Amino acid sequence: RMDQTRGKLGWAGKFDALLNGRLAARYQNATIAQVL
């Protein structure tokens, strides 16, 4: 989605991220060790 909008998600993209990217958002500042 970021690639398609060149990094500008807009409201629709942000809403989509909330629905389909909760884990990604949760670990956006985490290490992979914390994920595992």
PDB file of all heavy atoms in Angstrom:
ATOM      1  N   ARG A   1       0.825  -1.206   0.000  1.00  0.00           N
ATOM      2  CA  ARG A   1       0.000   0.000   0.000  1.00  0.00           C
ATOM      3  C   ARG A   1       0.864   1.263   0.000  1.00  0.00           C
ATOM      4  O   ARG A   1       0.547   2.241  -0.678  1.00  0.00           O
ATOM      5  CB  ARG A   1      -0.929   0.004   1.220  1.00  0.00           C
ATOM      6  CG  ARG A   1      -2.038  -1.032   1.179  1.00  0.00           C
ATOM      7  CD  ARG A   1      -2.968  -0.828  -0.009  1.00  0.00           C
ATOM      8  NE  ARG A   1      -3.633   0.471   0.026  1.00  0.00           N
ATOM      9  CZ  ARG A   1      -4.829   0.687   0.566  1.00  0.00           C
ATOM     10  NH1 ARG A   1      -5.493  -0.325   1.106  1.00  0.00           N
ATOM     11  NH2 ARG A   1      -5.370   1.896   0.547  1.00  0.00           N
ATOM     12  N   MET A   2       1.958   1.228   0.751  1.00  0.00           N
ATOM     13  CA  MET A   2       2.873   2.371   0.792  1.00  0.00           C
ATOM     14  C   MET A   2       3.491   2.612  -0.579  1.00  0.00           C
ATOM     15  O   MET A   2       3.625   3.754  -1.026  1.00  0.00           O
ATOM     16  CB  MET A   2       3.962   2.128   1.835  1.00  0.00           C
ATOM     17  CG  MET A   2       3.479   2.094   3.271  1.00  0.00           C
ATOM     18  SD  MET A   2       3.111   3.723   3.938  1.00  0.00           S
ATOM     19  CE  MET A   2       4.767   4.350   4.211  1.00  0.00           C
ATOM     20  N   ASP A   3       3.867   1.532  -1.249  1.00  0.00           N
ATOM     21  CA  ASP A   3       4.463   1.658  -2.576  1.00  0.00           C
ATOM     22  C   ASP A   3       3.462   2.241  -3.571  1.00  0.00           C
ATOM     23  O   ASP A   3       3.817   3.064  -4.425  1.00  0.00           O
ATOM     24  CB  ASP A   3       4.950   0.304  -3.073  1.00  0.00           C
ATOM     25  CG  ASP A   3       6.169  -0.201  -2.300  1.00  0.00           C
ATOM     26  OD1 ASP A   3       6.804   0.611  -1.602  1.00  0.00           O
ATOM     27  OD2 ASP A   3       6.457  -1.405  -2.376  1.00  0.00           O
ATOM     28  N   GLN A   4       2.217   1.787  -3.459  1.00  0.00           N
ATOM     29  CA  GLN A   4       1.186   2.245  -4.394  1.00  0.00           C
ATOM     30  C   GLN A   4       0.868   3.717  -4.220  1.00  0.00           C
ATOM     31  O   GLN A   4       0.493   4.402  -5.180  1.00  0.00           O
ATOM     32  CB  GLN A   4      -0.087   1.414  -4.199  1.00  0.00           C
ATOM     33  CG  GLN A   4       0.059  -0.041  -4.630  1.00  0.00           C
ATOM     34  CD  GLN A   4      -1.132  -0.892  -4.227  1.00  0.00           C
ATOM     35  OE1 GLN A   4      -1.945  -0.490  -3.375  1.00  0.00           O
ATOM     36  NE2 GLN A   4      -1.261  -2.067  -4.827  1.00  0.00           N
ATOM     37  N   THR A   5       1.003   4.217  -3.008  1.00  0.00           N
ATOM     38  CA  THR A   5       0.663   5.621  -2.723  1.00  0.00           C
ATOM     39  C   THR A   5       1.902   6.485  -2.492  1.00  0.00           C
ATOM     40  O   THR A   5       1.787   7.623  -2.059  1.00  0.00           O
ATOM     41  CB  THR A   5      -0.239   5.700  -1.476  1.00  0.00           C
ATOM     42  OG1 THR A   5       0.450   5.141  -0.350  1.00  0.00           O
ATOM     43  CG2 THR A   5      -1.529   4.929  -1.698  1.00  0.00           C
ATOM     44  N   ARG A   6       3.091   5.896  -2.776  1.00  0.00           N
ATOM     45  CA  ARG A   6       4.350   6.612  -2.592  1.00  0.00           C
ATOM     46  C   ARG A   6       4.495   7.148  -1.165  1.00  0.00           C
ATOM     47  O   ARG A   6       4.947   8.274  -0.945  1.00  0.00           O
ATOM     48  CB  ARG A   6       4.480   7.746  -3.604  1.00  0.00           C
ATOM     49  CG  ARG A   6       4.539   7.232  -5.052  1.00  0.00           C
ATOM     50  CD  ARG A   6       4.823   8.345  -6.021  1.00  0.00           C
ATOM     51  NE  ARG A   6       4.921   7.833  -7.393  1.00  0.00           N
ATOM     52  CZ  ARG A   6       5.207   8.567  -8.454  1.00  0.00           C
ATOM     53  NH1 ARG A   6       5.428   9.874  -8.306  1.00  0.00           N
ATOM     54  NH2 ARG A   6       5.272   8.019  -9.652  1.00  0.00           N
ATOM     55  N   GLY A   7       4.101   6.323  -0.222  1.00  0.00           N
ATOM     56  CA  GLY A   7       4.283   6.664   1.189  1.00  0.00           C
ATOM     57  C   GLY A   7       3.189   7.513   1.799  1.00  0.00           C
ATOM     58  O   GLY A   7       3.251   7.842   2.980  1.00  0.00           O
ATOM     59  N   LYS A   8       2.180   7.874   1.011  1.00  0.00           N
ATOM     60  CA  LYS A   8       1.085   8.698   1.520  1.00  0.00           C
ATOM     61  C   LYS A   8      -0.204   7.884   1.521  1.00  0.00           C
ATOM     62  O   LYS A   8      -0.923   7.838   0.518  1.00  0.00           O
ATOM     63  CB  LYS A   8       0.937   9.952   0.658  1.00  0.00           C
ATOM     64  CG  LYS A   8       2.191  10.830   0.655  1.00  0.00           C
ATOM     65  CD  LYS A   8       2.011  12.040  -0.242  1.00  0.00           C
ATOM     66  CE  LYS A   8       3.276  12.902  -0.251  1.00  0.00           C
ATOM     67  NZ  LYS A   8       3.130  14.084  -1.140  1.00  0.00           N
ATOM     68  N   LEU A   9      -0.491   7.264   2.648  1.00  0.00           N
ATOM     69  CA  LEU A   9      -1.617   6.342   2.725  1.00  0.00           C
ATOM     70  C   LEU A   9      -2.971   7.046   2.639  1.00  0.00           C
ATOM     71  O   LEU A   9      -3.915   6.524   2.061  1.00  0.00           O
ATOM     72  CB  LEU A   9      -1.543   5.534   4.030  1.00  0.00           C
ATOM     73  CG  LEU A   9      -0.454   4.467   4.109  1.00  0.00           C
ATOM     74  CD1 LEU A   9      -0.474   3.799   5.476  1.00  0.00           C
ATOM     75  CD2 LEU A   9      -0.640   3.419   3.019  1.00  0.00           C
ATOM     76  N   GLY A  10      -3.084   8.225   3.224  1.00  0.00           N
ATOM     77  CA  GLY A  10      -4.389   8.873   3.266  1.00  0.00           C
ATOM     78  C   GLY A  10      -5.285   8.179   4.277  1.00  0.00           C
ATOM     79  O   GLY A  10      -4.916   7.188   4.922  1.00  0.00           O
ATOM     80  N   TRP A  11      -6.507   8.699   4.412  1.00  0.00           N
ATOM     81  CA  TRP A  11      -7.412   8.136   5.422  1.00  0.00           C
ATOM     82  C   TRP A  11      -7.797   6.699   5.097  1.00  0.00           C
ATOM     83  O   TRP A  11      -7.860   5.843   5.991  1.00  0.00           O
ATOM     84  CB  TRP A  11      -8.664   9.008   5.539  1.00  0.00           C
ATOM     85  CG  TRP A  11      -8.393  10.309   6.239  1.00  0.00           C
ATOM     86  CD1 TRP A  11      -8.356  11.560   5.687  1.00  0.00           C
ATOM     87  CD2 TRP A  11      -8.083  10.472   7.622  1.00  0.00           C
ATOM     88  NE1 TRP A  11      -8.043  12.500   6.632  1.00  0.00           N
ATOM     89  CE2 TRP A  11      -7.875  11.861   7.844  1.00  0.00           C
ATOM     90  CE3 TRP A  11      -7.954   9.593   8.700  1.00  0.00           C
ATOM     91  CZ2 TRP A  11      -7.553  12.385   9.091  1.00  0.00           C
ATOM     92  CZ3 TRP A  11      -7.634  10.115   9.950  1.00  0.00           C
ATOM     93  CH2 TRP A  11      -7.445  11.495  10.138  1.00  0.00           C
ATOM     94  N   ALA A  12      -8.071   6.413   3.828  1.00  0.00           N
ATOM     95  CA  ALA A  12      -8.461   5.051   3.447  1.00  0.00           C
ATOM     96  C   ALA A  12      -7.332   4.068   3.722  1.00  0.00           C
ATOM     97  O   ALA A  12      -7.558   2.963   4.233  1.00  0.00           O
ATOM     98  CB  ALA A  12      -8.848   5.008   1.971  1.00  0.00           C
ATOM     99  N   GLY A  13      -6.117   4.467   3.410  1.00  0.00           N
ATOM    100  CA  GLY A  13      -4.975   3.595   3.649  1.00  0.00           C
ATOM    101  C   GLY A  13      -4.720   3.373   5.119  1.00  0.00           C
ATOM    102  O   GLY A  13      -4.385   2.260   5.547  1.00  0.00           O
ATOM    103  N   LYS A  14      -4.872   4.413   5.906  1.00  0.00           N
ATOM    104  CA  LYS A  14      -4.669   4.287   7.349  1.00  0.00           C
ATOM    105  C   LYS A  14      -5.737   3.391   7.975  1.00  0.00           C
ATOM    106  O   LYS A  14      -5.455   2.599   8.877  1.00  0.00           O
ATOM    107  CB  LYS A  14      -4.675   5.662   8.008  1.00  0.00           C
ATOM    108  CG  LYS A  14      -3.473   6.509   7.630  1.00  0.00           C
ATOM    109  CD  LYS A  14      -3.542   7.901   8.224  1.00  0.00           C
ATOM    110  CE  LYS A  14      -2.337   8.739   7.806  1.00  0.00           C
ATOM    111  NZ  LYS A  14      -2.409  10.123   8.338  1.00  0.00           N
ATOM    112  N   PHE A  15      -6.962   3.517   7.492  1.00  0.00           N
ATOM    113  CA  PHE A  15      -8.044   2.657   7.993  1.00  0.00           C
ATOM    114  C   PHE A  15      -7.771   1.203   7.625  1.00  0.00           C
ATOM    115  O   PHE A  15      -7.960   0.292   8.436  1.00  0.00           O
ATOM    116  CB  PHE A  15      -9.381   3.110   7.406  1.00  0.00           C
ATOM    117  CG  PHE A  15     -10.552   2.313   7.900  1.00  0.00           C
ATOM    118  CD1 PHE A  15     -10.994   2.436   9.217  1.00  0.00           C
ATOM    119  CD2 PHE A  15     -11.223   1.437   7.061  1.00  0.00           C
ATOM    120  CE1 PHE A  15     -12.073   1.699   9.678  1.00  0.00           C
ATOM    121  CE2 PHE A  15     -12.302   0.692   7.509  1.00  0.00           C
ATOM    122  CZ  PHE A  15     -12.729   0.824   8.829  1.00  0.00           C
ATOM    123  N   ASP A  16      -7.290   1.000   6.393  1.00  0.00           N
ATOM    124  CA  ASP A  16      -6.935  -0.348   5.950  1.00  0.00           C
ATOM    125  C   ASP A  16      -5.811  -0.926   6.813  1.00  0.00           C
ATOM    126  O   ASP A  16      -5.834  -2.102   7.176  1.00  0.00           O
ATOM    127  CB  ASP A  16      -6.498  -0.329   4.487  1.00  0.00           C
ATOM    128  CG  ASP A  16      -6.058  -1.685   3.990  1.00  0.00           C
ATOM    129  OD1 ASP A  16      -6.894  -2.596   3.918  1.00  0.00           O
ATOM    130  OD2 ASP A  16      -4.858  -1.838   3.681  1.00  0.00           O
ATOM    131  N   ALA A  17      -4.829  -0.090   7.154  1.00  0.00           N
ATOM    132  CA  ALA A  17      -3.721  -0.547   8.000  1.00  0.00           C
ATOM    133  C   ALA A  17      -4.207  -0.945   9.381  1.00  0.00           C
ATOM    134  O   ALA A  17      -3.710  -1.912   9.979  1.00  0.00           O
ATOM    135  CB  ALA A  17      -2.667   0.556   8.107  1.00  0.00           C
ATOM    136  N   LEU A  18      -5.208  -0.206   9.905  1.00  0.00           N
ATOM    137  CA  LEU A  18      -5.770  -0.548  11.212  1.00  0.00           C
ATOM    138  C   LEU A  18      -6.467  -1.901  11.172  1.00  0.00           C
ATOM    139  O   LEU A  18      -6.393  -2.684  12.125  1.00  0.00           O
ATOM    140  CB  LEU A  18      -6.756   0.534  11.665  1.00  0.00           C
ATOM    141  CG  LEU A  18      -6.155   1.847  12.165  1.00  0.00           C
ATOM    142  CD1 LEU A  18      -7.259   2.866  12.411  1.00  0.00           C
ATOM    143  CD2 LEU A  18      -5.343   1.606  13.440  1.00  0.00           C
ATOM    144  N   LEU A  19      -7.126  -2.179  10.057  1.00  0.00           N
ATOM    145  CA  LEU A  19      -7.860  -3.438   9.927  1.00  0.00           C
ATOM    146  C   LEU A  19      -6.946  -4.617   9.619  1.00  0.00           C
ATOM    147  O   LEU A  19      -7.158  -5.726  10.113  1.00  0.00           O
ATOM    148  CB  LEU A  19      -8.919  -3.321   8.827  1.00  0.00           C
ATOM    149  CG  LEU A  19     -10.118  -2.426   9.107  1.00  0.00           C
ATOM    150  CD1 LEU A  19     -11.035  -2.397   7.892  1.00  0.00           C
ATOM    151  CD2 LEU A  19     -10.891  -2.919  10.340  1.00  0.00           C
ATOM    152  N   ASN A  20      -5.941  -4.383   8.789  1.00  0.00           N
ATOM    153  CA  ASN A  20      -5.127  -5.489   8.270  1.00  0.00           C
ATOM    154  C   ASN A  20      -3.661  -5.429   8.667  1.00  0.00           C
ATOM    155  O   ASN A  20      -2.861  -6.190   8.137  1.00  0.00           O
ATOM    156  CB  ASN A  20      -5.222  -5.505   6.738  1.00  0.00           C
ATOM    157  CG  ASN A  20      -6.642  -5.664   6.245  1.00  0.00           C
ATOM    158  OD1 ASN A  20      -7.281  -6.673   6.490  1.00  0.00           O
ATOM    159  ND2 ASN A  20      -7.149  -4.641   5.564  1.00  0.00           N
ATOM    160  N   GLY A  21      -3.322  -4.553   9.594  1.00  0.00           N
ATOM    161  CA  GLY A  21      -1.916  -4.440   9.956  1.00  0.00           C
ATOM    162  C   GLY A  21      -1.664  -4.217  11.436  1.00  0.00           C
ATOM    163  O   GLY A  21      -0.715  -3.529  11.811  1.00  0.00           O
ATOM    164  N   ARG A  22      -2.495  -4.814  12.263  1.00  0.00           N
ATOM    165  CA  ARG A  22      -2.354  -4.566  13.699  1.00  0.00           C
ATOM    166  C   ARG A  22      -1.065  -5.127  14.266  1.00  0.00           C
ATOM    167  O   ARG A  22      -0.411  -4.502  15.099  1.00  0.00           O
ATOM    168  CB  ARG A  22      -3.570  -5.132  14.448  1.00  0.00           C
ATOM    169  CG  ARG A  22      -4.830  -4.284  14.299  1.00  0.00           C
ATOM    170  CD  ARG A  22      -6.034  -4.928  14.922  1.00  0.00           C
ATOM    171  NE  ARG A  22      -6.447  -6.101  14.164  1.00  0.00           N
ATOM    172  CZ  ARG A  22      -7.481  -6.885  14.508  1.00  0.00           C
ATOM    173  NH1 ARG A  22      -8.159  -6.635  15.596  1.00  0.00           N
ATOM    174  NH2 ARG A  22      -7.801  -7.921  13.765  1.00  0.00           N
ATOM    175  N   LEU A  23      -0.669  -6.316  13.817  1.00  0.00           N
ATOM    176  CA  LEU A  23       0.586  -6.887  14.302  1.00  0.00           C
ATOM    177  C   LEU A  23       1.776  -6.083  13.789  1.00  0.00           C
ATOM    178  O   LEU A  23       2.730  -5.825  14.522  1.00  0.00           O
ATOM    179  CB  LEU A  23       0.723  -8.348  13.862  1.00  0.00           C
ATOM    180  CG  LEU A  23       0.128  -9.426  14.770  1.00  0.00           C
ATOM    181  CD1 LEU A  23       0.481 -10.800  14.225  1.00  0.00           C
ATOM    182  CD2 LEU A  23       0.614  -9.278  16.193  1.00  0.00           C
ATOM    183  N   ALA A  24       1.704  -5.696  12.528  1.00  0.00           N
ATOM    184  CA  ALA A  24       2.791  -4.907  11.959  1.00  0.00           C
ATOM    185  C   ALA A  24       2.942  -3.588  12.706  1.00  0.00           C
ATOM    186  O   ALA A  24       4.060  -3.136  12.977  1.00  0.00           O
ATOM    187  CB  ALA A  24       2.530  -4.646  10.471  1.00  0.00           C
ATOM    188  N   ALA A  25       1.814  -2.967  13.060  1.00  0.00           N
ATOM    189  CA  ALA A  25       1.860  -1.716  13.809  1.00  0.00           C
ATOM    190  C   ALA A  25       2.413  -1.946  15.217  1.00  0.00           C
ATOM    191  O   ALA A  25       3.196  -1.141  15.722  1.00  0.00           O
ATOM    192  CB  ALA A  25       0.467  -1.098  13.882  1.00  0.00           C
ATOM    193  N   ARG A  26       2.011  -3.053  15.816  1.00  0.00           N
ATOM    194  CA  ARG A  26       2.463  -3.347  17.181  1.00  0.00           C
ATOM    195  C   ARG A  26       3.980  -3.501  17.238  1.00  0.00           C
ATOM    196  O   ARG A  26       4.618  -3.086  18.208  1.00  0.00           O
ATOM    197  CB  ARG A  26       1.792  -4.626  17.678  1.00  0.00           C
ATOM    198  CG  ARG A  26       2.268  -5.076  19.045  1.00  0.00           C
ATOM    199  CD  ARG A  26       1.484  -6.255  19.548  1.00  0.00           C
ATOM    200  NE  ARG A  26       1.950  -6.690  20.856  1.00  0.00           N
ATOM    201  CZ  ARG A  26       1.359  -7.635  21.582  1.00  0.00           C
ATOM    202  NH1 ARG A  26       0.271  -8.231  21.136  1.00  0.00           N
ATOM    203  NH2 ARG A  26       1.854  -7.962  22.755  1.00  0.00           N
ATOM    204  N   TYR A  27       4.553  -4.098  16.209  1.00  0.00           N
ATOM    205  CA  TYR A  27       5.988  -4.389  16.225  1.00  0.00           C
ATOM    206  C   TYR A  27       6.808  -3.439  15.349  1.00  0.00           C
ATOM    207  O   TYR A  27       7.940  -3.744  15.004  1.00  0.00           O
ATOM    208  CB  TYR A  27       6.219  -5.825  15.761  1.00  0.00           C
ATOM    209  CG  TYR A  27       5.666  -6.872  16.694  1.00  0.00           C
ATOM    210  CD1 TYR A  27       4.650  -7.733  16.278  1.00  0.00           C
ATOM    211  CD2 TYR A  27       6.148  -7.014  17.996  1.00  0.00           C
ATOM    212  CE1 TYR A  27       4.140  -8.701  17.132  1.00  0.00           C
ATOM    213  CE2 TYR A  27       5.639  -7.985  18.848  1.00  0.00           C
ATOM    214  CZ  TYR A  27       4.626  -8.822  18.408  1.00  0.00           C
ATOM    215  OH  TYR A  27       4.126  -9.784  19.256  1.00  0.00           O
ATOM    216  N   GLN A  28       6.243  -2.294  15.007  1.00  0.00           N
ATOM    217  CA  GLN A  28       6.945  -1.396  14.087  1.00  0.00           C
ATOM    218  C   GLN A  28       8.274  -0.892  14.650  1.00  0.00           C
ATOM    219  O   GLN A  28       9.193  -0.567  13.893  1.00  0.00           O
ATOM    220  CB  GLN A  28       6.052  -0.223  13.708  1.00  0.00           C
ATOM    221  CG  GLN A  28       5.630   0.658  14.862  1.00  0.00           C
ATOM    222  CD  GLN A  28       4.740   1.799  14.415  1.00  0.00           C
ATOM    223  OE1 GLN A  28       5.017   2.443  13.413  1.00  0.00           O
ATOM    224  NE2 GLN A  28       3.655   2.036  15.136  1.00  0.00           N
ATOM    225  N   ASN A  29       8.400  -0.825  15.963  1.00  0.00           N
ATOM    226  CA  ASN A  29       9.651  -0.383  16.580  1.00  0.00           C
ATOM    227  C   ASN A  29      10.343  -1.505  17.352  1.00  0.00           C
ATOM    228  O   ASN A  29      11.264  -1.242  18.136  1.00  0.00           O
ATOM    229  CB  ASN A  29       9.381   0.793  17.520  1.00  0.00           C
ATOM    230  CG  ASN A  29       8.853   2.011  16.793  1.00  0.00           C
ATOM    231  OD1 ASN A  29       9.382   2.383  15.745  1.00  0.00           O
ATOM    232  ND2 ASN A  29       7.812   2.631  17.318  1.00  0.00           N
ATOM    233  N   ALA A  30       9.914  -2.737  17.117  1.00  0.00           N
ATOM    234  CA  ALA A  30      10.452  -3.882  17.847  1.00  0.00           C
ATOM    235  C   ALA A  30      11.592  -4.542  17.091  1.00  0.00           C
ATOM    236  O   ALA A  30      11.816  -4.273  15.906  1.00  0.00           O
ATOM    237  CB  ALA A  30       9.344  -4.905  18.092  1.00  0.00           C
ATOM    238  N   THR A  31      12.323  -5.390  17.780  1.00  0.00           N
ATOM    239  CA  THR A  31      13.326  -6.232  17.136  1.00  0.00           C
ATOM    240  C   THR A  31      12.658  -7.542  16.747  1.00  0.00           C
ATOM    241  O   THR A  31      11.586  -7.894  17.266  1.00  0.00           O
ATOM    242  CB  THR A  31      14.502  -6.525  18.072  1.00  0.00           C
ATOM    243  OG1 THR A  31      14.031  -7.319  19.174  1.00  0.00           O
ATOM    244  CG2 THR A  31      15.120  -5.232  18.597  1.00  0.00           C
ATOM    245  N   ILE A  32      13.300  -8.290  15.867  1.00  0.00           N
ATOM    246  CA  ILE A  32      12.710  -9.576  15.486  1.00  0.00           C
ATOM    247  C   ILE A  32      12.750 -10.549  16.660  1.00  0.00           C
ATOM    248  O   ILE A  32      11.883 -11.430  16.767  1.00  0.00           O
ATOM    249  CB  ILE A  32      13.424 -10.168  14.244  1.00  0.00           C
ATOM    250  CG1 ILE A  32      12.645 -11.376  13.707  1.00  0.00           C
ATOM    251  CG2 ILE A  32      14.856 -10.543  14.566  1.00  0.00           C
ATOM    252  CD1 ILE A  32      11.206 -11.085  13.327  1.00  0.00           C
ATOM    253  N   ALA A  33      13.696 -10.383  17.571  1.00  0.00           N
ATOM    254  CA  ALA A  33      13.724 -11.233  18.766  1.00  0.00           C
ATOM    255  C   ALA A  33      12.471 -11.027  19.601  1.00  0.00           C
ATOM    256  O   ALA A  33      11.904 -11.992  20.146  1.00  0.00           O
ATOM    257  CB  ALA A  33      14.971 -10.935  19.597  1.00  0.00           C
ATOM    258  N   GLN A  34      12.005  -9.796  19.706  1.00  0.00           N
ATOM    259  CA  GLN A  34      10.796  -9.517  20.469  1.00  0.00           C
ATOM    260  C   GLN A  34       9.572 -10.130  19.803  1.00  0.00           C
ATOM    261  O   GLN A  34       8.658 -10.600  20.488  1.00  0.00           O
ATOM    262  CB  GLN A  34      10.631  -8.000  20.626  1.00  0.00           C
ATOM    263  CG  GLN A  34      11.679  -7.372  21.538  1.00  0.00           C
ATOM    264  CD  GLN A  34      11.636  -5.855  21.530  1.00  0.00           C
ATOM    265  OE1 GLN A  34      11.531  -5.219  20.471  1.00  0.00           O
ATOM    266  NE2 GLN A  34      11.726  -5.247  22.709  1.00  0.00           N
ATOM    267  N   VAL A  35       9.555 -10.120  18.480  1.00  0.00           N
ATOM    268  CA  VAL A  35       8.454 -10.765  17.758  1.00  0.00           C
ATOM    269  C   VAL A  35       8.442 -12.259  18.045  1.00  0.00           C
ATOM    270  O   VAL A  35       7.399 -12.839  18.378  1.00  0.00           O
ATOM    271  CB  VAL A  35       8.567 -10.518  16.243  1.00  0.00           C
ATOM    272  CG1 VAL A  35       7.502 -11.314  15.490  1.00  0.00           C
ATOM    273  CG2 VAL A  35       8.434  -9.037  15.930  1.00  0.00           C
ATOM    274  N   LEU A  36       9.607 -12.892  17.923  1.00  0.00           N
ATOM    275  CA  LEU A  36       9.682 -14.335  18.141  1.00  0.00           C
ATOM    276  C   LEU A  36       9.383 -14.702  19.589  1.00  0.00           C
ATOM    277  O   LEU A  36       8.835 -15.777  19.852  1.00  0.00           O
ATOM    278  CB  LEU A  36      11.056 -14.863  17.730  1.00  0.00           C
ATOM    279  CG  LEU A  36      11.410 -14.732  16.241  1.00  0.00           C
ATOM    280  CD1 LEU A  36      12.691 -15.509  15.934  1.00  0.00           C
ATOM    281  CD2 LEU A  36      10.276 -15.208  15.354  1.00  0.00           C
TER     282      LEU A  36
END
